[in-house]
């Protein structure tokens, strides 16, 4: 007798939850049935896969090794099923897209608009998350594509450069700002600013902090938020400034960008995918569409190689 797919799914569920009860609830089977199936798998393989001696169920050493290949087998099977259901004429299909939060604000809307105009039969599933989570999700075949920033990516991921994103100091429209032909604000003047910034789990915040440290300025951080919408509302209603992509300020009628010297960071935007993943017709179409949409905007003024 050989292991069956249900054995692999049951083992993965127990390993992920560390508990037979919660795993059984997720799988919608009884706990005795789940326990019996795991024991059957262990008998087939002739090894002990789970350590049940503690309060939490943990994989044994050999269990960890087996789980690595079980996950890969289920990922490959899911990819095979998507390949079978892929429709080249794009009358139907699905795409799982992950993006970092700044792109949700000004890029996901135009991309979805264009996708729906060209291929209304494709269902789009968008997840907003951190770059680390995007990369781990691509590696685990949870996403088909990700839009993030160029950097040192996880092994097996490849990125296609889309262009560059510029950061700016941003203030509310009611606050007085330099005339358009005035010289940029010297970086040392930021010491006097009170800022509302993204929290430090955002990649954008890391770029901002590095810029401040490099130029020896220490503005007061009055507010931290994990939402760009919250930041734009705060800056719109208070004298606080923030740092956001140029595109957000340009698209928002109540915000104004302020040039700073030296300029704030520029980041290369990339479309990420897993190199060995099956590329569905929907994914290939979305890659082409993304390049078209980005080229048509002035938010990415420099081509990135």
C-alpha atoms as a PDB file:
ATOM      1  CA  UNK A   1       0.000   0.000   0.000  1.00  0.00           C
ATOM      2  CA  UNK A   2       1.315   3.471  -0.924  1.00  0.00           C
ATOM      3  CA  UNK A   3       0.588   6.786   0.814  1.00  0.00           C
ATOM      4  CA  UNK A   4      -2.406   8.668  -0.581  1.00  0.00           C
ATOM      5  CA  UNK A   5      -2.986  12.396  -0.972  1.00  0.00           C
ATOM      6  CA  UNK A   6      -5.247  12.523   2.069  1.00  0.00           C
ATOM      7  CA  UNK A   7      -2.382  11.180   4.188  1.00  0.00           C
ATOM      8  CA  UNK A   8      -0.173  14.073   3.087  1.00  0.00           C
ATOM      9  CA  UNK A   9      -2.865  16.686   3.686  1.00  0.00           C
ATOM     10  CA  UNK A  10      -3.675  15.262   7.112  1.00  0.00           C
ATOM     11  CA  UNK A  11      -0.011  15.177   8.134  1.00  0.00           C
ATOM     12  CA  UNK A  12       0.547  18.768   6.995  1.00  0.00           C
ATOM     13  CA  UNK A  13      -2.505  19.977   8.909  1.00  0.00           C
ATOM     14  CA  UNK A  14      -1.360  18.361  12.157  1.00  0.00           C
ATOM     15  CA  UNK A  15       2.168  19.711  11.726  1.00  0.00           C
ATOM     16  CA  UNK A  16       0.917  23.237  11.040  1.00  0.00           C
ATOM     17  CA  UNK A  17      -1.507  23.316  13.988  1.00  0.00           C
ATOM     18  CA  UNK A  18       0.599  21.259  16.404  1.00  0.00           C
ATOM     19  CA  UNK A  19      -2.669  19.783  17.585  1.00  0.00           C
ATOM     20  CA  UNK A  20      -4.945  16.975  16.390  1.00  0.00           C
ATOM     21  CA  UNK A  21      -8.153  18.704  17.499  1.00  0.00           C
ATOM     22  CA  UNK A  22      -7.589  21.938  15.562  1.00  0.00           C
ATOM     23  CA  UNK A  23      -6.294  20.042  12.529  1.00  0.00           C
ATOM     24  CA  UNK A  24      -9.408  17.823  12.539  1.00  0.00           C
ATOM     25  CA  UNK A  25     -11.647  20.913  12.714  1.00  0.00           C
ATOM     26  CA  UNK A  26      -9.874  22.457   9.722  1.00  0.00           C
ATOM     27  CA  UNK A  27     -10.087  19.229   7.727  1.00  0.00           C
ATOM     28  CA  UNK A  28     -13.710  18.613   8.832  1.00  0.00           C
ATOM     29  CA  UNK A  29     -13.020  15.074   9.937  1.00  0.00           C
ATOM     30  CA  UNK A  30     -13.311  13.495  13.383  1.00  0.00           C
ATOM     31  CA  UNK A  31     -10.223  13.449  15.581  1.00  0.00           C
ATOM     32  CA  UNK A  32     -10.198   9.600  15.797  1.00  0.00           C
ATOM     33  CA  UNK A  33     -10.323   9.399  11.980  1.00  0.00           C
ATOM     34  CA  UNK A  34      -7.435  11.846  11.676  1.00  0.00           C
ATOM     35  CA  UNK A  35      -5.349  10.004  14.261  1.00  0.00           C
ATOM     36  CA  UNK A  36      -6.049   6.686  12.551  1.00  0.00           C
ATOM     37  CA  UNK A  37      -4.970   8.033   9.144  1.00  0.00           C
ATOM     38  CA  UNK A  38      -1.691   9.419  10.529  1.00  0.00           C
ATOM     39  CA  UNK A  39      -0.942   6.078  12.201  1.00  0.00           C
ATOM     40  CA  UNK A  40      -1.721   4.318   8.919  1.00  0.00           C
ATOM     41  CA  UNK A  41       0.778   6.568   7.110  1.00  0.00           C
ATOM     42  CA  UNK A  42       3.427   5.811   9.731  1.00  0.00           C
ATOM     43  CA  UNK A  43       2.809   2.070   9.313  1.00  0.00           C
ATOM     44  CA  UNK A  44       3.111   2.352   5.517  1.00  0.00           C
ATOM     45  CA  UNK A  45       6.432   4.207   5.816  1.00  0.00           C
ATOM     46  CA  UNK A  46       7.673   2.207   8.777  1.00  0.00           C
ATOM     47  CA  UNK A  47       8.757   5.313  10.697  1.00  0.00           C
ATOM     48  CA  UNK A  48       7.407   7.617  13.382  1.00  0.00           C
ATOM     49  CA  UNK A  49       6.543  10.978  11.834  1.00  0.00           C
ATOM     50  CA  UNK A  50       5.085  12.841  14.816  1.00  0.00           C
ATOM     51  CA  UNK A  51       6.204  13.241  18.431  1.00  0.00           C
ATOM     52  CA  UNK A  52       3.035  13.132  20.530  1.00  0.00           C
ATOM     53  CA  UNK A  53       4.762  13.135  23.949  1.00  0.00           C
ATOM     54  CA  UNK A  54       4.490  16.874  24.659  1.00  0.00           C
ATOM     55  CA  UNK A  55       1.613  19.313  24.941  1.00  0.00           C
ATOM     56  CA  UNK A  56       2.211  20.257  21.306  1.00  0.00           C
ATOM     57  CA  UNK A  57       2.480  17.646  18.562  1.00  0.00           C
ATOM     58  CA  UNK A  58       5.759  18.115  16.691  1.00  0.00           C
ATOM     59  CA  UNK A  59       7.321  16.388  13.685  1.00  0.00           C
ATOM     60  CA  UNK A  60      10.195  14.043  14.435  1.00  0.00           C
ATOM     61  CA  UNK A  61      13.448  14.570  12.543  1.00  0.00           C
ATOM     62  CA  UNK A  62      12.374  12.096   9.885  1.00  0.00           C
ATOM     63  CA  UNK A  63       8.923  13.686   9.936  1.00  0.00           C
ATOM     64  CA  UNK A  64      10.414  17.109   9.122  1.00  0.00           C
ATOM     65  CA  UNK A  65      12.240  15.589   6.169  1.00  0.00           C
ATOM     66  CA  UNK A  66       9.082  13.866   4.912  1.00  0.00           C
ATOM     67  CA  UNK A  67       7.024  17.067   5.334  1.00  0.00           C
ATOM     68  CA  UNK A  68       9.433  18.950   3.077  1.00  0.00           C
ATOM     69  CA  UNK A  69       8.680  16.606   0.192  1.00  0.00           C
ATOM     70  CA  UNK A  70       4.980  16.296   1.054  1.00  0.00           C
ATOM     71  CA  UNK A  71       4.563  20.090   0.782  1.00  0.00           C
ATOM     72  CA  UNK A  72       6.386  20.096  -2.550  1.00  0.00           C
ATOM     73  CA  UNK A  73       4.239  17.244  -3.865  1.00  0.00           C
ATOM     74  CA  UNK A  74       0.997  19.041  -2.954  1.00  0.00           C
ATOM     75  CA  UNK A  75       2.260  22.313  -4.461  1.00  0.00           C
ATOM     76  CA  UNK A  76       3.131  20.536  -7.707  1.00  0.00           C
ATOM     77  CA  UNK A  77      -0.262  18.836  -7.768  1.00  0.00           C
ATOM     78  CA  UNK A  78      -2.047  22.170  -7.275  1.00  0.00           C
ATOM     79  CA  UNK A  79       0.009  23.667 -10.107  1.00  0.00           C
ATOM     80  CA  UNK A  80      -0.889  20.713 -12.320  1.00  0.00           C
ATOM     81  CA  UNK A  81      -4.581  21.227 -11.592  1.00  0.00           C
ATOM     82  CA  UNK A  82      -4.303  24.921 -12.487  1.00  0.00           C
ATOM     83  CA  UNK A  83      -2.533  23.975 -15.714  1.00  0.00           C
ATOM     84  CA  UNK A  84      -5.359  21.610 -16.644  1.00  0.00           C
ATOM     85  CA  UNK A  85      -7.947  24.341 -16.073  1.00  0.00           C
ATOM     86  CA  UNK A  86      -5.906  27.081 -17.751  1.00  0.00           C
ATOM     87  CA  UNK A  87      -7.726  28.591 -20.718  1.00  0.00           C
ATOM     88  CA  UNK A  88      -5.446  30.123 -23.344  1.00  0.00           C
ATOM     89  CA  UNK A  89      -8.151  32.387 -24.775  1.00  0.00           C
ATOM     90  CA  UNK A  90      -8.509  33.977 -21.293  1.00  0.00           C
ATOM     91  CA  UNK A  91     -12.287  33.620 -21.197  1.00  0.00           C
ATOM     92  CA  UNK A  92     -11.840  32.358 -17.647  1.00  0.00           C
ATOM     93  CA  UNK A  93      -9.072  31.708 -15.187  1.00  0.00           C
ATOM     94  CA  UNK A  94      -7.667  33.047 -11.958  1.00  0.00           C
ATOM     95  CA  UNK A  95      -4.669  35.028 -10.730  1.00  0.00           C
ATOM     96  CA  UNK A  96      -3.294  35.327  -7.184  1.00  0.00           C
ATOM     97  CA  UNK A  97      -1.493  38.649  -6.770  1.00  0.00           C
ATOM     98  CA  UNK A  98       0.369  39.940  -3.700  1.00  0.00           C
ATOM     99  CA  UNK A  99       1.453  43.574  -3.350  1.00  0.00           C
ATOM    100  CA  UNK A 100       3.177  45.742  -0.768  1.00  0.00           C
ATOM    101  CA  UNK A 101       0.840  48.364   0.756  1.00  0.00           C
ATOM    102  CA  UNK A 102       2.009  51.460  -1.144  1.00  0.00           C
ATOM    103  CA  UNK A 103       1.036  49.838  -4.447  1.00  0.00           C
ATOM    104  CA  UNK A 104      -2.472  49.116  -3.166  1.00  0.00           C
ATOM    105  CA  UNK A 105      -2.992  52.865  -2.924  1.00  0.00           C
ATOM    106  CA  UNK A 106      -2.211  53.894  -6.487  1.00  0.00           C
ATOM    107  CA  UNK A 107      -1.355  50.920  -8.719  1.00  0.00           C
ATOM    108  CA  UNK A 108      -3.761  48.066  -7.954  1.00  0.00           C
ATOM    109  CA  UNK A 109      -6.762  50.130  -9.102  1.00  0.00           C
ATOM    110  CA  UNK A 110      -5.391  50.887 -12.596  1.00  0.00           C
ATOM    111  CA  UNK A 111      -4.131  47.298 -12.982  1.00  0.00           C
ATOM    112  CA  UNK A 112      -7.517  45.835 -12.032  1.00  0.00           C
ATOM    113  CA  UNK A 113      -9.310  48.289 -14.315  1.00  0.00           C
ATOM    114  CA  UNK A 114      -7.153  47.259 -17.255  1.00  0.00           C
ATOM    115  CA  UNK A 115      -7.381  43.542 -16.472  1.00  0.00           C
ATOM    116  CA  UNK A 116     -11.177  43.699 -16.281  1.00  0.00           C
ATOM    117  CA  UNK A 117     -11.359  45.707 -19.518  1.00  0.00           C
ATOM    118  CA  UNK A 118      -9.175  43.226 -21.418  1.00  0.00           C
ATOM    119  CA  UNK A 119     -10.069  39.930 -19.727  1.00  0.00           C
ATOM    120  CA  UNK A 120     -13.285  40.192 -17.653  1.00  0.00           C
ATOM    121  CA  UNK A 121     -13.412  36.414 -17.234  1.00  0.00           C
ATOM    122  CA  UNK A 122     -10.247  36.299 -15.108  1.00  0.00           C
ATOM    123  CA  UNK A 123     -10.859  36.326 -11.353  1.00  0.00           C
ATOM    124  CA  UNK A 124      -8.244  38.349  -9.462  1.00  0.00           C
ATOM    125  CA  UNK A 125      -7.359  37.597  -5.832  1.00  0.00           C
ATOM    126  CA  UNK A 126      -5.306  40.475  -4.347  1.00  0.00           C
ATOM    127  CA  UNK A 127      -3.445  40.227  -1.027  1.00  0.00           C
ATOM    128  CA  UNK A 128      -1.760  43.243   0.567  1.00  0.00           C
ATOM    129  CA  UNK A 129       1.179  42.188   2.731  1.00  0.00           C
ATOM    130  CA  UNK A 130       4.843  42.777   3.530  1.00  0.00           C
ATOM    131  CA  UNK A 131       7.630  42.025   1.069  1.00  0.00           C
ATOM    132  CA  UNK A 132       8.917  39.154   3.220  1.00  0.00           C
ATOM    133  CA  UNK A 133       5.472  37.586   3.191  1.00  0.00           C
ATOM    134  CA  UNK A 134       5.155  38.095  -0.559  1.00  0.00           C
ATOM    135  CA  UNK A 135       8.400  36.240  -1.153  1.00  0.00           C
ATOM    136  CA  UNK A 136       7.634  33.376   1.209  1.00  0.00           C
ATOM    137  CA  UNK A 137       4.154  33.097  -0.328  1.00  0.00           C
ATOM    138  CA  UNK A 138       5.558  32.929  -3.856  1.00  0.00           C
ATOM    139  CA  UNK A 139       8.054  30.274  -2.777  1.00  0.00           C
ATOM    140  CA  UNK A 140       5.222  28.259  -1.202  1.00  0.00           C
ATOM    141  CA  UNK A 141       3.027  28.628  -4.328  1.00  0.00           C
ATOM    142  CA  UNK A 142       0.432  30.684  -2.440  1.00  0.00           C
ATOM    143  CA  UNK A 143       0.721  33.537  -4.979  1.00  0.00           C
ATOM    144  CA  UNK A 144       1.317  33.610  -8.729  1.00  0.00           C
ATOM    145  CA  UNK A 145       2.870  37.089  -8.884  1.00  0.00           C
ATOM    146  CA  UNK A 146       4.037  39.776  -6.488  1.00  0.00           C
ATOM    147  CA  UNK A 147       4.724  43.489  -6.885  1.00  0.00           C
ATOM    148  CA  UNK A 148       7.464  44.647  -4.528  1.00  0.00           C
ATOM    149  CA  UNK A 149      10.928  46.211  -4.501  1.00  0.00           C
ATOM    150  CA  UNK A 150      14.227  44.971  -5.872  1.00  0.00           C
ATOM    151  CA  UNK A 151      16.577  43.517  -3.287  1.00  0.00           C
ATOM    152  CA  UNK A 152      18.107  40.235  -2.249  1.00  0.00           C
ATOM    153  CA  UNK A 153      15.245  37.863  -2.945  1.00  0.00           C
ATOM    154  CA  UNK A 154      14.654  34.310  -1.757  1.00  0.00           C
ATOM    155  CA  UNK A 155      16.301  31.584  -3.860  1.00  0.00           C
ATOM    156  CA  UNK A 156      14.148  30.524  -6.796  1.00  0.00           C
ATOM    157  CA  UNK A 157      12.419  33.891  -7.231  1.00  0.00           C
ATOM    158  CA  UNK A 158      12.982  36.113 -10.259  1.00  0.00           C
ATOM    159  CA  UNK A 159      12.020  39.758 -10.667  1.00  0.00           C
ATOM    160  CA  UNK A 160      11.236  41.796 -13.774  1.00  0.00           C
ATOM    161  CA  UNK A 161      12.038  45.481 -13.280  1.00  0.00           C
ATOM    162  CA  UNK A 162       9.071  47.750 -13.943  1.00  0.00           C
ATOM    163  CA  UNK A 163      10.613  51.125 -13.162  1.00  0.00           C
ATOM    164  CA  UNK A 164      11.409  53.312 -10.172  1.00  0.00           C
ATOM    165  CA  UNK A 165       9.288  54.756  -7.400  1.00  0.00           C
ATOM    166  CA  UNK A 166      10.278  58.077  -5.837  1.00  0.00           C
ATOM    167  CA  UNK A 167       9.603  59.072  -2.239  1.00  0.00           C
ATOM    168  CA  UNK A 168       8.723  62.638  -1.252  1.00  0.00           C
ATOM    169  CA  UNK A 169       8.095  64.663   1.851  1.00  0.00           C
ATOM    170  CA  UNK A 170       4.320  65.202   1.849  1.00  0.00           C
ATOM    171  CA  UNK A 171       2.195  67.797   3.679  1.00  0.00           C
ATOM    172  CA  UNK A 172      -1.484  68.737   3.758  1.00  0.00           C
ATOM    173  CA  UNK A 173      -2.785  71.123   1.109  1.00  0.00           C
ATOM    174  CA  UNK A 174      -3.715  73.743   3.740  1.00  0.00           C
ATOM    175  CA  UNK A 175      -0.137  73.999   4.974  1.00  0.00           C
ATOM    176  CA  UNK A 176       2.060  76.610   3.328  1.00  0.00           C
ATOM    177  CA  UNK A 177       4.611  75.093   0.948  1.00  0.00           C
ATOM    178  CA  UNK A 178       7.518  76.517  -1.075  1.00  0.00           C
ATOM    179  CA  UNK A 179       6.699  77.987  -4.488  1.00  0.00           C
ATOM    180  CA  UNK A 180       7.125  75.558  -7.407  1.00  0.00           C
ATOM    181  CA  UNK A 181      10.311  77.360  -8.525  1.00  0.00           C
ATOM    182  CA  UNK A 182      11.773  77.587  -4.990  1.00  0.00           C
ATOM    183  CA  UNK A 183      14.908  75.578  -4.179  1.00  0.00           C
ATOM    184  CA  UNK A 184      14.367  72.205  -2.451  1.00  0.00           C
ATOM    185  CA  UNK A 185      14.141  72.089   1.328  1.00  0.00           C
ATOM    186  CA  UNK A 186      17.611  71.391   2.801  1.00  0.00           C
ATOM    187  CA  UNK A 187      17.685  68.010   4.528  1.00  0.00           C
ATOM    188  CA  UNK A 188      18.872  69.618   7.790  1.00  0.00           C
ATOM    189  CA  UNK A 189      15.517  71.434   8.018  1.00  0.00           C
ATOM    190  CA  UNK A 190      13.821  68.074   8.586  1.00  0.00           C
ATOM    191  CA  UNK A 191      15.122  68.213  12.166  1.00  0.00           C
ATOM    192  CA  UNK A 192      12.365  70.733  12.848  1.00  0.00           C
ATOM    193  CA  UNK A 193       9.601  68.605  11.312  1.00  0.00           C
ATOM    194  CA  UNK A 194       7.029  66.558  13.205  1.00  0.00           C
ATOM    195  CA  UNK A 195       6.214  63.488  11.150  1.00  0.00           C
ATOM    196  CA  UNK A 196       3.559  60.811  10.806  1.00  0.00           C
ATOM    197  CA  UNK A 197       5.211  57.701   9.330  1.00  0.00           C
ATOM    198  CA  UNK A 198       4.471  54.104   8.476  1.00  0.00           C
ATOM    199  CA  UNK A 199       5.364  51.635  11.215  1.00  0.00           C
ATOM    200  CA  UNK A 200       8.728  49.924  11.046  1.00  0.00           C
ATOM    201  CA  UNK A 201       7.382  46.638   9.649  1.00  0.00           C
ATOM    202  CA  UNK A 202       6.980  48.365   6.259  1.00  0.00           C
ATOM    203  CA  UNK A 203       9.824  48.260   3.717  1.00  0.00           C
ATOM    204  CA  UNK A 204       9.166  51.940   2.982  1.00  0.00           C
ATOM    205  CA  UNK A 205       9.871  52.874   6.614  1.00  0.00           C
ATOM    206  CA  UNK A 206      13.240  51.142   6.404  1.00  0.00           C
ATOM    207  CA  UNK A 207      14.192  53.291   3.398  1.00  0.00           C
ATOM    208  CA  UNK A 208      13.092  56.436   5.229  1.00  0.00           C
ATOM    209  CA  UNK A 209      15.028  55.629   8.408  1.00  0.00           C
ATOM    210  CA  UNK A 210      18.158  54.847   6.389  1.00  0.00           C
ATOM    211  CA  UNK A 211      17.856  58.226   4.653  1.00  0.00           C
ATOM    212  CA  UNK A 212      17.525  60.095   7.960  1.00  0.00           C
ATOM    213  CA  UNK A 213      20.497  58.232   9.466  1.00  0.00           C
ATOM    214  CA  UNK A 214      22.668  58.792   6.384  1.00  0.00           C
ATOM    215  CA  UNK A 215      22.105  62.551   6.542  1.00  0.00           C
ATOM    216  CA  UNK A 216      22.231  62.877  10.321  1.00  0.00           C
ATOM    217  CA  UNK A 217      18.720  64.253  10.860  1.00  0.00           C
ATOM    218  CA  UNK A 218      16.326  63.256  13.634  1.00  0.00           C
ATOM    219  CA  UNK A 219      12.815  64.608  13.057  1.00  0.00           C
ATOM    220  CA  UNK A 220      10.262  63.926  15.756  1.00  0.00           C
ATOM    221  CA  UNK A 221       8.052  60.942  14.922  1.00  0.00           C
ATOM    222  CA  UNK A 222       4.720  62.070  16.371  1.00  0.00           C
ATOM    223  CA  UNK A 223       2.562  59.306  14.858  1.00  0.00           C
ATOM    224  CA  UNK A 224       3.193  55.811  13.503  1.00  0.00           C
ATOM    225  CA  UNK A 225       0.515  53.959  11.549  1.00  0.00           C
ATOM    226  CA  UNK A 226       0.246  50.663   9.694  1.00  0.00           C
ATOM    227  CA  UNK A 227      -2.117  52.109   7.088  1.00  0.00           C
ATOM    228  CA  UNK A 228      -1.391  54.535   4.284  1.00  0.00           C
ATOM    229  CA  UNK A 229      -5.018  55.664   4.312  1.00  0.00           C
ATOM    230  CA  UNK A 230      -4.617  56.583   7.989  1.00  0.00           C
ATOM    231  CA  UNK A 231      -1.461  58.576   7.209  1.00  0.00           C
ATOM    232  CA  UNK A 232      -3.070  60.547   4.404  1.00  0.00           C
ATOM    233  CA  UNK A 233      -6.016  61.444   6.652  1.00  0.00           C
ATOM    234  CA  UNK A 234      -3.720  62.463   9.520  1.00  0.00           C
ATOM    235  CA  UNK A 235      -1.569  64.670   7.299  1.00  0.00           C
ATOM    236  CA  UNK A 236      -4.607  66.173   5.610  1.00  0.00           C
ATOM    237  CA  UNK A 237      -6.059  67.253   8.975  1.00  0.00           C
ATOM    238  CA  UNK A 238      -2.921  68.233  10.938  1.00  0.00           C
ATOM    239  CA  UNK A 239       0.318  70.203  10.455  1.00  0.00           C
ATOM    240  CA  UNK A 240       2.252  66.909  10.460  1.00  0.00           C
ATOM    241  CA  UNK A 241       4.266  65.860   7.408  1.00  0.00           C
ATOM    242  CA  UNK A 242       4.892  62.352   6.130  1.00  0.00           C
ATOM    243  CA  UNK A 243       7.025  60.532   3.552  1.00  0.00           C
ATOM    244  CA  UNK A 244       5.173  58.677   0.796  1.00  0.00           C
ATOM    245  CA  UNK A 245       5.609  57.806  -2.885  1.00  0.00           C
ATOM    246  CA  UNK A 246       5.167  60.778  -5.231  1.00  0.00           C
ATOM    247  CA  UNK A 247       2.269  59.026  -6.924  1.00  0.00           C
ATOM    248  CA  UNK A 248       0.148  59.032  -3.765  1.00  0.00           C
ATOM    249  CA  UNK A 249       0.549  62.779  -3.251  1.00  0.00           C
ATOM    250  CA  UNK A 250      -0.180  63.492  -6.907  1.00  0.00           C
ATOM    251  CA  UNK A 251      -3.351  61.404  -6.840  1.00  0.00           C
ATOM    252  CA  UNK A 252      -4.606  62.947  -3.581  1.00  0.00           C
ATOM    253  CA  UNK A 253      -6.210  66.424  -3.866  1.00  0.00           C
ATOM    254  CA  UNK A 254      -5.500  67.275  -0.220  1.00  0.00           C
ATOM    255  CA  UNK A 255      -1.768  66.488  -0.216  1.00  0.00           C
ATOM    256  CA  UNK A 256       1.273  68.322  -1.565  1.00  0.00           C
ATOM    257  CA  UNK A 257       4.791  66.948  -2.185  1.00  0.00           C
ATOM    258  CA  UNK A 258       7.781  69.016  -1.004  1.00  0.00           C
ATOM    259  CA  UNK A 259      11.158  68.576  -2.705  1.00  0.00           C
ATOM    260  CA  UNK A 260      14.089  67.846  -0.384  1.00  0.00           C
ATOM    261  CA  UNK A 261      17.826  68.149  -1.030  1.00  0.00           C
ATOM    262  CA  UNK A 262      19.358  65.578  -1.227  1.00  0.00           C
ATOM    263  CA  UNK A 263      16.320  63.809  -2.683  1.00  0.00           C
ATOM    264  CA  UNK A 264      14.588  61.071  -0.739  1.00  0.00           C
ATOM    265  CA  UNK A 265      15.205  57.456  -1.821  1.00  0.00           C
ATOM    266  CA  UNK A 266      14.294  55.972  -5.190  1.00  0.00           C
ATOM    267  CA  UNK A 267      13.364  52.256  -5.229  1.00  0.00           C
ATOM    268  CA  UNK A 268      13.229  49.861  -8.177  1.00  0.00           C
ATOM    269  CA  UNK A 269       9.815  48.226  -8.516  1.00  0.00           C
ATOM    270  CA  UNK A 270       9.786  44.582  -9.615  1.00  0.00           C
ATOM    271  CA  UNK A 271       7.222  42.011 -10.638  1.00  0.00           C
ATOM    272  CA  UNK A 272       8.194  38.837  -8.762  1.00  0.00           C
ATOM    273  CA  UNK A 273       7.410  35.210  -9.560  1.00  0.00           C
ATOM    274  CA  UNK A 274       8.734  31.765  -8.721  1.00  0.00           C
ATOM    275  CA  UNK A 275      11.092  30.721 -11.501  1.00  0.00           C
ATOM    276  CA  UNK A 276       9.988  27.082 -11.583  1.00  0.00           C
ATOM    277  CA  UNK A 277       6.254  27.807 -11.233  1.00  0.00           C
ATOM    278  CA  UNK A 278       3.774  27.038 -13.981  1.00  0.00           C
ATOM    279  CA  UNK A 279       2.971  30.326 -15.778  1.00  0.00           C
ATOM    280  CA  UNK A 280      -0.706  30.299 -16.624  1.00  0.00           C
ATOM    281  CA  UNK A 281      -2.181  32.252 -19.501  1.00  0.00           C
ATOM    282  CA  UNK A 282      -3.697  34.629 -16.944  1.00  0.00           C
ATOM    283  CA  UNK A 283      -0.306  35.241 -15.309  1.00  0.00           C
ATOM    284  CA  UNK A 284       1.404  35.859 -18.647  1.00  0.00           C
ATOM    285  CA  UNK A 285      -1.360  38.277 -19.678  1.00  0.00           C
ATOM    286  CA  UNK A 286      -1.117  40.127 -16.378  1.00  0.00           C
ATOM    287  CA  UNK A 287       2.653  40.492 -16.737  1.00  0.00           C
ATOM    288  CA  UNK A 288       2.180  42.125 -20.160  1.00  0.00           C
ATOM    289  CA  UNK A 289      -0.640  44.294 -18.862  1.00  0.00           C
ATOM    290  CA  UNK A 290       1.420  45.468 -15.865  1.00  0.00           C
ATOM    291  CA  UNK A 291       4.268  46.615 -18.090  1.00  0.00           C
ATOM    292  CA  UNK A 292       1.779  48.507 -20.294  1.00  0.00           C
ATOM    293  CA  UNK A 293       0.105  50.247 -17.346  1.00  0.00           C
ATOM    294  CA  UNK A 294       3.397  51.243 -15.727  1.00  0.00           C
ATOM    295  CA  UNK A 295       4.807  52.624 -18.982  1.00  0.00           C
ATOM    296  CA  UNK A 296       1.670  54.745 -19.436  1.00  0.00           C
ATOM    297  CA  UNK A 297       2.065  56.425 -16.033  1.00  0.00           C
ATOM    298  CA  UNK A 298       4.528  59.140 -15.062  1.00  0.00           C
ATOM    299  CA  UNK A 299       4.941  57.660 -11.564  1.00  0.00           C
ATOM    300  CA  UNK A 300       7.915  55.596 -12.754  1.00  0.00           C
ATOM    301  CA  UNK A 301      10.059  58.219 -14.503  1.00  0.00           C
ATOM    302  CA  UNK A 302      13.182  56.118 -14.993  1.00  0.00           C
ATOM    303  CA  UNK A 303      13.481  52.782 -16.683  1.00  0.00           C
ATOM    304  CA  UNK A 304      15.156  50.223 -14.449  1.00  0.00           C
ATOM    305  CA  UNK A 305      17.369  47.611 -16.005  1.00  0.00           C
END
